Structure formats: structure tokens, C-alpha cells
Amino acid sequence: MERFESFDGVDIAYQVWGAPGDRPPVVLHHGFIVDATANFVAPGVAGALVAAGRHVIAPDARGHGASGKPHDTARYGEARMARDLGALLDHLDVERADLVGYSMGAVVSAIFAASTPDRVRRLVLSGVGAAVAELGGLDTRAMPPAEVTAVLLTESRPAVEASPAKAFRQLADAVGADRVALAAQVGAAHNTPIGLDKITAPTLVLAGEDDPLAARPEALAAAIPGARWKVVAGDHLTALRSPAYVPALLDFLAAP
């Protein structure tokens, strides 16, 4: 685990595997609550990329994993995380990368690819669907932010058990997350239009067929010039472990 200080002083941790090669590195940006290890190492995604000869970089987003965890909502939001991503690439002297984002990380990746299109060679948006195009972020229609915030901050076990967002609290507790920092991110979550039409990188939208947070991936693909989409087995927590996920990712990123 390595780290650097980002643009506003927040400490960002990251991991690196493999060696630089002829192709740009693959940057993996994880989803909400978890970190790079849980999202991409444990399911075998990072290892498969390294075995395919790719140089892989995976940060822990602010508020997550080993990175800094301020409790001020003003220090959060996917747009700030996209700035962290640019700062990381600058820190590592990486001019251009293949970018893979999952869930919250897909929103970060879409913002980064739309705002700095020359820095992204190929783009994979996974664990998301139409909401990124229609709402500018994660699908708050499937899970209202107020429910997530409440279940993260409550100290009442009955309230957790009764919440429709119980799975978010269970996951946060399982990984030992800073729940106040996570609630700050919920309060700052991106919800304004992303200039998806400005994305120039070939793009793959990759979603689990039973994932309510990635409904209608074809609508997101339609909003990005030339993008394609693919559905694999699984829901929001299991799609990364689908037997079809890694082959689809490797095939898409192997293209020139």
C-alpha cells in the first residue's frame, strides 16, 4: 500500500501490481463502502489483469479503505474523487490509462473521462445503468439516500434490522468502515448531469442482470458515443464474481 496527498490535503492510499508495458496501466476504482482489495482483489479481477500482462493501479477512495476519512460532507462527492484520480495519475507520471469503475467508482470514472477525455484510452463502467445518464449518479430511485444515511448513523439495532438499506450497514460493519465518513459521501453524492457525450474513449457498460442499482445499462450506453453494453449473471454484490465478468473485461481492454 502506497499513499500520496491529494489536491485538498486528503491522504489517498493506492496499490500497484505488475510492471509498465506497451499499453497504458489499468486503473480500478471501487464502489461505495468497500475498498480496492474487497472490490477488485478478492474477486480475482486485479490478478487476472496482471496475469494478462497489465500494469494495474487501484486507489482507495477518500472515506474508504486506507485513505483519509474526513467527516465534512464538503470534502466528498464523486467529482472530488475524480480530481483525486487525476492527482494520482499525475503523482505516478501516468499520462493515459484504461479506466474501470464499479458502482460509485463508475460515476467517478464517467466524470473523469468526460472532463479529461485525453487521459482515458478505454473505459469500463460497471455496476451502474441508466441512472448515471438520467440522474447524474447512482440510482437513488432504487435506494433513497436518506435511508442509507439513517442506517449508517443509527445506533439502534432494531432500526438497522427494519431498514430497507440494511445491507449497506451490514457491509459497512463487515469491513470496519468509518460510517460517519460514508454518510458524508452519501450527502455529497453526484446528482447533476455528467457530460457523457464528451467521452471519447471506447466504452463498455457491464452490469449484473439482477442488479437493481444497474437497471437498463443500454440507456447509459446509448448516452455515450459508440459505447456498447453487456449483461452478466449476478446482482450488485456478485456480478464481479460472475464467470463472464473477467473475460468480458479482458477482451475489451485487450483491444488496441
C-alpha atoms as a PDB file:
ATOM      1  CA  MET A   1       0.000   0.000   0.000  1.00  0.00           C
ATOM      2  CA  GLU A   2       1.364   3.406  -1.019  1.00  0.00           C
ATOM      3  CA  ARG A   3      -0.100   6.848  -0.473  1.00  0.00           C
ATOM      4  CA  PHE A   4       0.081  10.469  -1.523  1.00  0.00           C
ATOM      5  CA  GLU A   5      -1.542  13.769  -0.563  1.00  0.00           C
ATOM      6  CA  SER A   6      -4.287  14.800  -2.977  1.00  0.00           C
ATOM      7  CA  PHE A   7      -5.236  18.284  -4.170  1.00  0.00           C
ATOM      8  CA  ASP A   8      -7.005  19.324  -0.936  1.00  0.00           C
ATOM      9  CA  GLY A   9      -4.736  17.575   1.554  1.00  0.00           C
ATOM     10  CA  VAL A  10      -6.664  14.313   1.902  1.00  0.00           C
ATOM     11  CA  ASP A  11      -4.363  11.294   2.078  1.00  0.00           C
ATOM     12  CA  ILE A  12      -5.117   8.800  -0.732  1.00  0.00           C
ATOM     13  CA  ALA A  13      -3.864   5.202  -0.479  1.00  0.00           C
ATOM     14  CA  TYR A  14      -3.315   3.062  -3.554  1.00  0.00           C
ATOM     15  CA  GLN A  15      -1.912  -0.285  -4.649  1.00  0.00           C
ATOM     16  CA  VAL A  16       0.126  -1.147  -7.734  1.00  0.00           C
ATOM     17  CA  TRP A  17       0.669  -4.551  -9.373  1.00  0.00           C
ATOM     18  CA  GLY A  18       2.588  -5.642 -12.436  1.00  0.00           C
ATOM     19  CA  ALA A  19       5.090  -3.674 -14.454  1.00  0.00           C
ATOM     20  CA  PRO A  20       4.607  -0.877 -17.002  1.00  0.00           C
ATOM     21  CA  GLY A  21       4.370  -2.177 -20.549  1.00  0.00           C
ATOM     22  CA  ASP A  22       3.481  -1.097 -24.067  1.00  0.00           C
ATOM     23  CA  ARG A  23      -0.136  -0.456 -23.101  1.00  0.00           C
ATOM     24  CA  PRO A  24      -1.209   2.116 -20.513  1.00  0.00           C
ATOM     25  CA  PRO A  25      -1.942   0.952 -16.980  1.00  0.00           C
ATOM     26  CA  VAL A  26      -5.395  -0.199 -15.926  1.00  0.00           C
ATOM     27  CA  VAL A  27      -6.814   1.908 -13.111  1.00  0.00           C
ATOM     28  CA  LEU A  28      -9.505   0.256 -10.985  1.00  0.00           C
ATOM     29  CA  HIS A  29     -11.866   2.471  -8.967  1.00  0.00           C
ATOM     30  CA  HIS A  30     -14.014   0.658  -6.394  1.00  0.00           C
ATOM     31  CA  GLY A  31     -17.565   1.234  -5.213  1.00  0.00           C
ATOM     32  CA  PHE A  32     -19.184   2.671  -2.091  1.00  0.00           C
ATOM     33  CA  ILE A  33     -18.290   1.288   1.382  1.00  0.00           C
ATOM     34  CA  VAL A  34     -15.671  -1.231   0.204  1.00  0.00           C
ATOM     35  CA  ASP A  35     -12.091  -0.637  -0.964  1.00  0.00           C
ATOM     36  CA  ALA A  36      -9.889  -1.753  -3.846  1.00  0.00           C
ATOM     37  CA  THR A  37      -8.969  -5.013  -2.138  1.00  0.00           C
ATOM     38  CA  ALA A  38     -12.561  -6.089  -1.486  1.00  0.00           C
ATOM     39  CA  ASN A  39     -13.880  -4.893  -4.842  1.00  0.00           C
ATOM     40  CA  PHE A  40     -11.145  -5.996  -7.221  1.00  0.00           C
ATOM     41  CA  VAL A  41      -8.540  -8.166  -5.498  1.00  0.00           C
ATOM     42  CA  ALA A  42     -10.800 -10.623  -3.675  1.00  0.00           C
ATOM     43  CA  PRO A  43     -12.914 -11.467  -6.775  1.00  0.00           C
ATOM     44  CA  GLY A  44      -9.745 -12.020  -8.833  1.00  0.00           C
ATOM     45  CA  VAL A  45     -10.113  -9.049 -11.172  1.00  0.00           C
ATOM     46  CA  ALA A  46      -6.745  -7.454 -10.377  1.00  0.00           C
ATOM     47  CA  GLY A  47      -4.952 -10.801 -10.524  1.00  0.00           C
ATOM     48  CA  ALA A  48      -6.453 -11.659 -13.903  1.00  0.00           C
ATOM     49  CA  LEU A  49      -5.322  -8.329 -15.331  1.00  0.00           C
ATOM     50  CA  VAL A  50      -1.780  -8.832 -14.033  1.00  0.00           C
ATOM     51  CA  ALA A  51      -1.731 -12.379 -15.436  1.00  0.00           C
ATOM     52  CA  ALA A  52      -2.695 -10.875 -18.788  1.00  0.00           C
ATOM     53  CA  GLY A  53       0.391  -8.677 -18.642  1.00  0.00           C
ATOM     54  CA  ARG A  54      -1.221  -5.450 -17.490  1.00  0.00           C
ATOM     55  CA  HIS A  55       0.129  -2.875 -15.089  1.00  0.00           C
ATOM     56  CA  VAL A  56      -2.659  -2.253 -12.545  1.00  0.00           C
ATOM     57  CA  ILE A  57      -3.272   0.683 -10.176  1.00  0.00           C
ATOM     58  CA  ALA A  58      -6.099   0.749  -7.639  1.00  0.00           C
ATOM     59  CA  PRO A  59      -6.764   3.614  -5.222  1.00  0.00           C
ATOM     60  CA  ASP A  60      -8.913   3.564  -2.113  1.00  0.00           C
ATOM     61  CA  ALA A  61     -11.346   6.469  -2.476  1.00  0.00           C
ATOM     62  CA  ARG A  62     -11.408   9.178   0.174  1.00  0.00           C
ATOM     63  CA  GLY A  63     -13.510   7.979   3.089  1.00  0.00           C
ATOM     64  CA  HIS A  64     -12.783   4.351   2.246  1.00  0.00           C
ATOM     65  CA  GLY A  65     -10.182   1.684   2.955  1.00  0.00           C
ATOM     66  CA  ALA A  66      -6.780   3.025   3.951  1.00  0.00           C
ATOM     67  CA  SER A  67      -7.351   6.560   2.628  1.00  0.00           C
ATOM     68  CA  GLY A  68      -8.110   9.649   4.692  1.00  0.00           C
ATOM     69  CA  LYS A  69     -11.608   9.887   6.168  1.00  0.00           C
ATOM     70  CA  PRO A  70     -12.690  13.453   6.841  1.00  0.00           C
ATOM     71  CA  HIS A  71     -16.197  13.802   8.292  1.00  0.00           C
ATOM     72  CA  ASP A  72     -17.119  17.017   6.433  1.00  0.00           C
ATOM     73  CA  THR A  73     -19.608  16.478   3.599  1.00  0.00           C
ATOM     74  CA  ALA A  74     -17.913  19.293   1.674  1.00  0.00           C
ATOM     75  CA  ARG A  75     -14.836  17.066   1.271  1.00  0.00           C
ATOM     76  CA  TYR A  76     -16.780  14.383  -0.603  1.00  0.00           C
ATOM     77  CA  GLY A  77     -18.609  13.692  -3.851  1.00  0.00           C
ATOM     78  CA  GLU A  78     -17.623  11.791  -6.982  1.00  0.00           C
ATOM     79  CA  ALA A  79     -16.349  14.977  -8.639  1.00  0.00           C
ATOM     80  CA  ARG A  80     -13.752  15.330  -5.877  1.00  0.00           C
ATOM     81  CA  MET A  81     -12.888  11.659  -6.238  1.00  0.00           C
ATOM     82  CA  ALA A  82     -12.353  12.266  -9.970  1.00  0.00           C
ATOM     83  CA  ARG A  83      -9.916  15.031  -9.044  1.00  0.00           C
ATOM     84  CA  ASP A  84      -8.164  12.542  -6.736  1.00  0.00           C
ATOM     85  CA  LEU A  85      -7.894  10.202  -9.715  1.00  0.00           C
ATOM     86  CA  GLY A  86      -6.235  12.882 -11.816  1.00  0.00           C
ATOM     87  CA  ALA A  87      -3.902  13.735  -8.942  1.00  0.00           C
ATOM     88  CA  LEU A  88      -2.949  10.062  -8.613  1.00  0.00           C
ATOM     89  CA  LEU A  89      -2.111   9.800 -12.309  1.00  0.00           C
ATOM     90  CA  ASP A  90      -0.039  12.991 -12.034  1.00  0.00           C
ATOM     91  CA  HIS A  91       1.713  11.604  -8.947  1.00  0.00           C
ATOM     92  CA  LEU A  92       2.638   8.443 -10.877  1.00  0.00           C
ATOM     93  CA  ASP A  93       3.518  10.317 -14.097  1.00  0.00           C
ATOM     94  CA  VAL A  94       0.796   8.452 -15.993  1.00  0.00           C
ATOM     95  CA  GLU A  95      -0.487  10.415 -18.964  1.00  0.00           C
ATOM     96  CA  ARG A  96      -3.177   7.980 -20.113  1.00  0.00           C
ATOM     97  CA  ALA A  97      -4.888   4.934 -18.622  1.00  0.00           C
ATOM     98  CA  ASP A  98      -7.540   2.320 -19.166  1.00  0.00           C
ATOM     99  CA  LEU A  99     -10.153   3.078 -16.517  1.00  0.00           C
ATOM    100  CA  VAL A 100     -12.508   0.586 -14.835  1.00  0.00           C
ATOM    101  CA  GLY A 101     -15.052   1.801 -12.307  1.00  0.00           C
ATOM    102  CA  TYR A 102     -17.585  -0.140 -10.272  1.00  0.00           C
ATOM    103  CA  SER A 103     -20.759   1.450  -8.844  1.00  0.00           C
ATOM    104  CA  MET A 104     -19.660   4.716  -7.168  1.00  0.00           C
ATOM    105  CA  GLY A 105     -16.339   4.216  -8.933  1.00  0.00           C
ATOM    106  CA  ALA A 106     -18.133   4.083 -12.270  1.00  0.00           C
ATOM    107  CA  VAL A 107     -19.641   7.512 -11.587  1.00  0.00           C
ATOM    108  CA  VAL A 108     -16.151   8.785 -10.699  1.00  0.00           C
ATOM    109  CA  SER A 109     -14.775   7.232 -13.891  1.00  0.00           C
ATOM    110  CA  ALA A 110     -17.519   8.732 -16.067  1.00  0.00           C
ATOM    111  CA  ILE A 111     -16.865  12.199 -14.634  1.00  0.00           C
ATOM    112  CA  PHE A 112     -13.117  11.803 -15.157  1.00  0.00           C
ATOM    113  CA  ALA A 113     -13.489  10.512 -18.722  1.00  0.00           C
ATOM    114  CA  ALA A 114     -15.919  13.303 -19.618  1.00  0.00           C
ATOM    115  CA  SER A 115     -13.777  16.076 -18.109  1.00  0.00           C
ATOM    116  CA  THR A 116     -10.341  14.827 -19.260  1.00  0.00           C
ATOM    117  CA  PRO A 117     -11.060  12.634 -22.314  1.00  0.00           C
ATOM    118  CA  ASP A 118      -7.453  12.689 -23.492  1.00  0.00           C
ATOM    119  CA  ARG A 119      -6.350  10.784 -20.366  1.00  0.00           C
ATOM    120  CA  VAL A 120      -8.579   7.727 -20.879  1.00  0.00           C
ATOM    121  CA  ARG A 121      -7.797   5.154 -23.580  1.00  0.00           C
ATOM    122  CA  ARG A 122     -10.615   2.690 -22.823  1.00  0.00           C
ATOM    123  CA  LEU A 123     -13.400   2.950 -20.252  1.00  0.00           C
ATOM    124  CA  VAL A 124     -15.449   0.314 -18.412  1.00  0.00           C
ATOM    125  CA  LEU A 125     -18.442   1.416 -16.355  1.00  0.00           C
ATOM    126  CA  SER A 126     -19.770  -1.479 -14.286  1.00  0.00           C
ATOM    127  CA  GLY A 127     -22.345  -1.833 -11.545  1.00  0.00           C
ATOM    128  CA  VAL A 128     -24.332   1.098 -12.956  1.00  0.00           C
ATOM    129  CA  GLY A 129     -27.059   1.667 -15.514  1.00  0.00           C
ATOM    130  CA  ALA A 130     -29.488   4.299 -16.735  1.00  0.00           C
ATOM    131  CA  ALA A 131     -29.313   6.429 -13.570  1.00  0.00           C
ATOM    132  CA  VAL A 132     -25.844   7.722 -14.484  1.00  0.00           C
ATOM    133  CA  ALA A 133     -27.376   9.242 -17.621  1.00  0.00           C
ATOM    134  CA  GLU A 134     -30.737  10.186 -16.116  1.00  0.00           C
ATOM    135  CA  LEU A 135     -29.798  11.322 -12.594  1.00  0.00           C
ATOM    136  CA  GLY A 136     -26.085  12.073 -12.884  1.00  0.00           C
ATOM    137  CA  GLY A 137     -25.064   9.383 -10.428  1.00  0.00           C
ATOM    138  CA  LEU A 138     -26.087   6.251  -8.580  1.00  0.00           C
ATOM    139  CA  ASP A 139     -29.726   5.169  -8.712  1.00  0.00           C
ATOM    140  CA  THR A 140     -31.387   6.950  -5.804  1.00  0.00           C
ATOM    141  CA  ARG A 141     -34.722   5.671  -7.079  1.00  0.00           C
ATOM    142  CA  ALA A 142     -33.713   2.132  -6.121  1.00  0.00           C
ATOM    143  CA  MET A 143     -32.346   3.176  -2.738  1.00  0.00           C
ATOM    144  CA  PRO A 144     -33.140   6.671  -1.327  1.00  0.00           C
ATOM    145  CA  PRO A 145     -30.067   8.386   0.168  1.00  0.00           C
ATOM    146  CA  ALA A 146     -31.963   9.306   3.348  1.00  0.00           C
ATOM    147  CA  GLU A 147     -32.446   5.610   4.104  1.00  0.00           C
ATOM    148  CA  VAL A 148     -28.739   4.883   3.581  1.00  0.00           C
ATOM    149  CA  THR A 149     -27.662   7.797   5.758  1.00  0.00           C
ATOM    150  CA  ALA A 150     -30.052   6.815   8.533  1.00  0.00           C
ATOM    151  CA  VAL A 151     -28.986   3.177   8.621  1.00  0.00           C
ATOM    152  CA  LEU A 152     -25.295   4.132   8.601  1.00  0.00           C
ATOM    153  CA  LEU A 153     -25.621   6.520  11.542  1.00  0.00           C
ATOM    154  CA  THR A 154     -28.139   4.802  13.799  1.00  0.00           C
ATOM    155  CA  GLU A 155     -27.003   3.030  16.952  1.00  0.00           C
ATOM    156  CA  SER A 156     -30.306   1.148  17.178  1.00  0.00           C
ATOM    157  CA  ARG A 157     -30.066  -2.488  16.150  1.00  0.00           C
ATOM    158  CA  PRO A 158     -33.858  -2.740  15.637  1.00  0.00           C
ATOM    159  CA  ALA A 159     -33.692   0.297  13.340  1.00  0.00           C
ATOM    160  CA  VAL A 160     -30.957  -1.397  11.311  1.00  0.00           C
ATOM    161  CA  GLU A 161     -32.972  -4.586  11.036  1.00  0.00           C
ATOM    162  CA  ALA A 162     -36.079  -2.683   9.925  1.00  0.00           C
ATOM    163  CA  SER A 163     -34.309  -0.544   7.334  1.00  0.00           C
ATOM    164  CA  PRO A 164     -34.647  -1.226   3.589  1.00  0.00           C
ATOM    165  CA  ALA A 165     -30.987  -0.174   3.423  1.00  0.00           C
ATOM    166  CA  LYS A 166     -29.875  -2.773   5.983  1.00  0.00           C
ATOM    167  CA  ALA A 167     -27.406  -4.348   3.535  1.00  0.00           C
ATOM    168  CA  PHE A 168     -25.391  -1.105   3.425  1.00  0.00           C
ATOM    169  CA  ARG A 169     -24.959  -1.139   7.218  1.00  0.00           C
ATOM    170  CA  GLN A 170     -24.129  -4.836   7.250  1.00  0.00           C
ATOM    171  CA  LEU A 171     -21.425  -4.304   4.643  1.00  0.00           C
ATOM    172  CA  ALA A 172     -20.028  -1.253   6.441  1.00  0.00           C
ATOM    173  CA  ASP A 173     -19.827  -3.182   9.701  1.00  0.00           C
ATOM    174  CA  ALA A 174     -18.282  -6.203   7.980  1.00  0.00           C
ATOM    175  CA  VAL A 175     -15.393  -4.177   6.541  1.00  0.00           C
ATOM    176  CA  GLY A 176     -14.954  -1.972   9.625  1.00  0.00           C
ATOM    177  CA  ALA A 177     -15.777   1.200   7.701  1.00  0.00           C
ATOM    178  CA  ASP A 178     -15.961   4.711   9.134  1.00  0.00           C
ATOM    179  CA  ARG A 179     -19.735   5.118   8.979  1.00  0.00           C
ATOM    180  CA  VAL A 180     -19.669   8.884   9.570  1.00  0.00           C
ATOM    181  CA  ALA A 181     -17.342   9.347   6.599  1.00  0.00           C
ATOM    182  CA  LEU A 182     -19.576   7.145   4.463  1.00  0.00           C
ATOM    183  CA  ALA A 183     -22.641   9.167   5.453  1.00  0.00           C
ATOM    184  CA  ALA A 184     -20.766  12.312   4.419  1.00  0.00           C
ATOM    185  CA  GLN A 185     -20.232  10.789   0.984  1.00  0.00           C
ATOM    186  CA  VAL A 186     -23.934   9.932   0.722  1.00  0.00           C
ATOM    187  CA  GLY A 187     -24.727  13.583   1.434  1.00  0.00           C
ATOM    188  CA  ALA A 188     -22.385  14.728  -1.313  1.00  0.00           C
ATOM    189  CA  ALA A 189     -23.198  12.096  -3.944  1.00  0.00           C
ATOM    190  CA  HIS A 190     -23.184  13.399  -7.509  1.00  0.00           C
ATOM    191  CA  ASN A 191     -26.656  14.195  -8.849  1.00  0.00           C
ATOM    192  CA  THR A 192     -26.198  16.650 -11.698  1.00  0.00           C
ATOM    193  CA  PRO A 193     -25.745  15.888 -15.416  1.00  0.00           C
ATOM    194  CA  ILE A 194     -22.432  14.373 -16.484  1.00  0.00           C
ATOM    195  CA  GLY A 195     -21.263  15.352 -19.976  1.00  0.00           C
ATOM    196  CA  LEU A 196     -21.362  11.778 -21.223  1.00  0.00           C
ATOM    197  CA  ASP A 197     -21.392  12.987 -24.824  1.00  0.00           C
ATOM    198  CA  LYS A 198     -17.869  14.343 -24.231  1.00  0.00           C
ATOM    199  CA  ILE A 199     -16.446  10.871 -23.551  1.00  0.00           C
ATOM    200  CA  THR A 200     -14.230   9.866 -26.484  1.00  0.00           C
ATOM    201  CA  ALA A 201     -12.790   6.597 -25.164  1.00  0.00           C
ATOM    202  CA  PRO A 202     -14.321   3.327 -26.392  1.00  0.00           C
ATOM    203  CA  THR A 203     -16.664   2.407 -23.553  1.00  0.00           C
ATOM    204  CA  LEU A 204     -18.182  -0.798 -22.197  1.00  0.00           C
ATOM    205  CA  VAL A 205     -21.111  -0.732 -19.760  1.00  0.00           C
ATOM    206  CA  LEU A 206     -21.005  -4.007 -17.829  1.00  0.00           C
ATOM    207  CA  ALA A 207     -23.870  -4.830 -15.454  1.00  0.00           C
ATOM    208  CA  GLY A 208     -25.294  -7.709 -13.438  1.00  0.00           C
ATOM    209  CA  GLU A 209     -28.638  -8.932 -14.750  1.00  0.00           C
ATOM    210  CA  ASP A 210     -30.170  -8.941 -11.244  1.00  0.00           C
ATOM    211  CA  ASP A 211     -28.657  -5.653 -10.079  1.00  0.00           C
ATOM    212  CA  PRO A 212     -31.363  -3.082  -9.231  1.00  0.00           C
ATOM    213  CA  LEU A 213     -28.700  -0.362  -8.999  1.00  0.00           C
ATOM    214  CA  ALA A 214     -27.638  -1.046 -12.602  1.00  0.00           C
ATOM    215  CA  ALA A 215     -31.025  -1.146 -14.299  1.00  0.00           C
ATOM    216  CA  ARG A 216     -31.184  -0.557 -18.063  1.00  0.00           C
ATOM    217  CA  PRO A 217     -27.463  -0.455 -18.874  1.00  0.00           C
ATOM    218  CA  GLU A 218     -28.415   0.008 -22.518  1.00  0.00           C
ATOM    219  CA  ALA A 219     -29.704   3.504 -21.691  1.00  0.00           C
ATOM    220  CA  LEU A 220     -26.338   4.506 -20.258  1.00  0.00           C
ATOM    221  CA  ALA A 221     -24.522   3.047 -23.262  1.00  0.00           C
ATOM    222  CA  ALA A 222     -26.815   4.986 -25.600  1.00  0.00           C
ATOM    223  CA  ALA A 223     -25.783   8.253 -23.920  1.00  0.00           C
ATOM    224  CA  ILE A 224     -22.053   7.683 -24.606  1.00  0.00           C
ATOM    225  CA  PRO A 225     -20.836   7.936 -28.209  1.00  0.00           C
ATOM    226  CA  GLY A 226     -20.086   4.476 -29.594  1.00  0.00           C
ATOM    227  CA  ALA A 227     -20.479   2.684 -26.253  1.00  0.00           C
ATOM    228  CA  ARG A 228     -21.526  -0.948 -26.012  1.00  0.00           C
ATOM    229  CA  TRP A 229     -23.128  -2.828 -23.147  1.00  0.00           C
ATOM    230  CA  LYS A 230     -23.125  -6.346 -21.765  1.00  0.00           C
ATOM    231  CA  VAL A 231     -25.050  -8.100 -19.000  1.00  0.00           C
ATOM    232  CA  VAL A 232     -23.510 -10.838 -16.854  1.00  0.00           C
ATOM    233  CA  ALA A 233     -25.013 -13.036 -14.149  1.00  0.00           C
ATOM    234  CA  GLY A 234     -25.313 -11.651 -10.650  1.00  0.00           C
ATOM    235  CA  ASP A 235     -26.545  -8.737  -8.572  1.00  0.00           C
ATOM    236  CA  HIS A 236     -24.737  -5.685  -7.215  1.00  0.00           C
ATOM    237  CA  LEU A 237     -22.573  -7.728  -4.862  1.00  0.00           C
ATOM    238  CA  THR A 238     -21.956 -10.783  -7.038  1.00  0.00           C
ATOM    239  CA  ALA A 239     -21.633  -9.575 -10.654  1.00  0.00           C
ATOM    240  CA  LEU A 240     -17.865  -9.137 -10.241  1.00  0.00           C
ATOM    241  CA  ARG A 241     -17.624 -12.843  -9.475  1.00  0.00           C
ATOM    242  CA  SER A 242     -19.673 -13.896 -12.499  1.00  0.00           C
ATOM    243  CA  PRO A 243     -17.701 -16.295 -14.729  1.00  0.00           C
ATOM    244  CA  ALA A 244     -18.367 -13.880 -17.603  1.00  0.00           C
ATOM    245  CA  TYR A 245     -17.194 -10.669 -15.908  1.00  0.00           C
ATOM    246  CA  VAL A 246     -13.411 -11.009 -16.114  1.00  0.00           C
ATOM    247  CA  PRO A 247     -13.365 -12.454 -19.675  1.00  0.00           C
ATOM    248  CA  ALA A 248     -15.545  -9.564 -20.881  1.00  0.00           C
ATOM    249  CA  LEU A 249     -13.251  -7.069 -19.165  1.00  0.00           C
ATOM    250  CA  LEU A 250     -10.039  -8.644 -20.500  1.00  0.00           C
ATOM    251  CA  ASP A 251     -11.408  -8.898 -24.027  1.00  0.00           C
ATOM    252  CA  PHE A 252     -12.481  -5.263 -24.092  1.00  0.00           C
ATOM    253  CA  LEU A 253      -9.255  -3.897 -22.599  1.00  0.00           C
ATOM    254  CA  ALA A 254      -7.081  -6.037 -24.911  1.00  0.00           C
ATOM    255  CA  ALA A 255      -8.248  -4.132 -27.986  1.00  0.00           C
ATOM    256  CA  PRO A 256      -5.856  -1.536 -29.431  1.00  0.00           C
END
